[in-house]
Amino acid sequence: MLESEFISCFPGHKKRIKILLSRDDNFREVAEDYLFCKKTLDELKQTNKNSLAQQYSDTLEDLKLELLDAIYKMKNK
């Protein structure tokens, strides 16, 4: 996974993200899924596959919320 690419998706959380990526396998897997989904969504938008793009957009939002939840939980520890 490209750590810098992932961190750029969540500006302001660099330190916590680096810690979570190094310590939490589940967080790392969700982060990889997020980047894959984001890349696929970008490709779908270019090919005008709107129905499938909407599904990926919804999934991307769900993954983002899961990641932010983990980031904020770490912040409060």
Foldseek 3Di string as FASTA:
>chain_A
DPLVVLCVVPPPLNVLSVVCCVPPPVLVVLSVVLVVLVVVLVVCVVVVPVVVNVVSVVVNVVSVVVNVVVSVVVVVD
